[in-house]
Amino acid sequence: MIAEDDRVAAEIRSYATTKTGKIYENDYHMIFRIRAGKIAEVKEYTDLMHATEIFG
């Protein structure tokens, strides 16, 4: 996680097992824009094809 001016960037990894036993493991890159001490905007980048394969 890094922060500069009004932006914070974070790399995030998720891991979960679905009810059907499939493993969902994905990496994310998120950019937050802060205004007045609150999150004003979020952009998320991830592998949507993997999410579609697991969740349909």
Protein backbone atom coordinates (compact mmCIF):
# COMPACT_ATOMS: atom_id res chain seq x y z
CA MET A 1 0.00 0.00 0.00
CA ILE A 2 1.30 3.46 -0.89
CA ALA A 3 -0.16 6.93 -0.50
CA GLU A 4 0.59 10.25 -2.12
CA ASP A 5 -1.46 13.45 -2.05
CA ASP A 6 -5.14 12.43 -2.18
CA ARG A 7 -4.54 8.92 -3.58
CA VAL A 8 -3.87 5.55 -1.94
CA ALA A 9 -2.96 2.46 -3.99
CA ALA A 10 -3.18 -1.08 -2.62
CA GLU A 11 -2.44 -4.58 -3.89
CA ILE A 12 -4.85 -7.09 -2.40
CA ARG A 13 -5.15 -10.89 -2.64
CA SER A 14 -8.35 -12.79 -1.93
CA TYR A 15 -8.82 -16.48 -1.15
CA ALA A 16 -12.08 -18.32 -0.57
CA THR A 17 -13.72 -21.70 -1.06
CA THR A 18 -17.18 -21.63 -2.59
CA LYS A 19 -20.05 -23.77 -1.34
CA THR A 20 -19.42 -26.08 -4.31
CA GLY A 21 -15.77 -26.52 -3.30
CA LYS A 22 -14.18 -24.34 -5.99
CA ILE A 23 -11.20 -22.23 -4.94
CA TYR A 24 -11.40 -18.52 -5.68
CA GLU A 25 -8.03 -16.81 -5.43
CA ASN A 26 -7.55 -13.48 -7.15
CA ASP A 27 -5.30 -10.43 -7.08
CA TYR A 28 -6.62 -6.88 -7.08
CA HIS A 29 -5.13 -3.46 -7.54
CA MET A 30 -7.25 -0.71 -5.99
CA ILE A 31 -6.84 3.04 -6.13
CA PHE A 32 -8.67 5.17 -3.57
CA ARG A 33 -9.14 8.94 -3.82
CA ILE A 34 -9.63 10.67 -0.46
CA ARG A 35 -11.52 13.93 0.11
CA ALA A 36 -12.14 15.52 3.51
CA GLY A 37 -10.81 12.38 5.23
CA LYS A 38 -13.28 10.06 3.49
CA ILE A 39 -13.10 7.73 0.50
CA ALA A 40 -14.56 9.66 -2.44
CA GLU A 41 -13.69 7.31 -5.32
CA VAL A 42 -12.44 3.75 -5.82
CA LYS A 43 -11.11 2.08 -8.97
CA GLU A 44 -10.54 -1.68 -8.93
CA TYR A 45 -8.57 -3.79 -11.38
CA THR A 46 -8.79 -7.58 -11.25
CA ASP A 47 -8.99 -10.74 -13.36
CA LEU A 48 -12.68 -10.83 -14.22
CA MET A 49 -12.31 -13.95 -16.36
CA HIS A 50 -11.23 -15.93 -13.27
CA ALA A 51 -14.21 -14.60 -11.30
CA THR A 52 -16.53 -15.60 -14.15
CA GLU A 53 -15.01 -19.11 -14.28
CA ILE A 54 -15.64 -19.60 -10.55
CA PHE A 55 -18.95 -17.80 -10.03
CA GLY A 56 -20.51 -18.06 -13.51
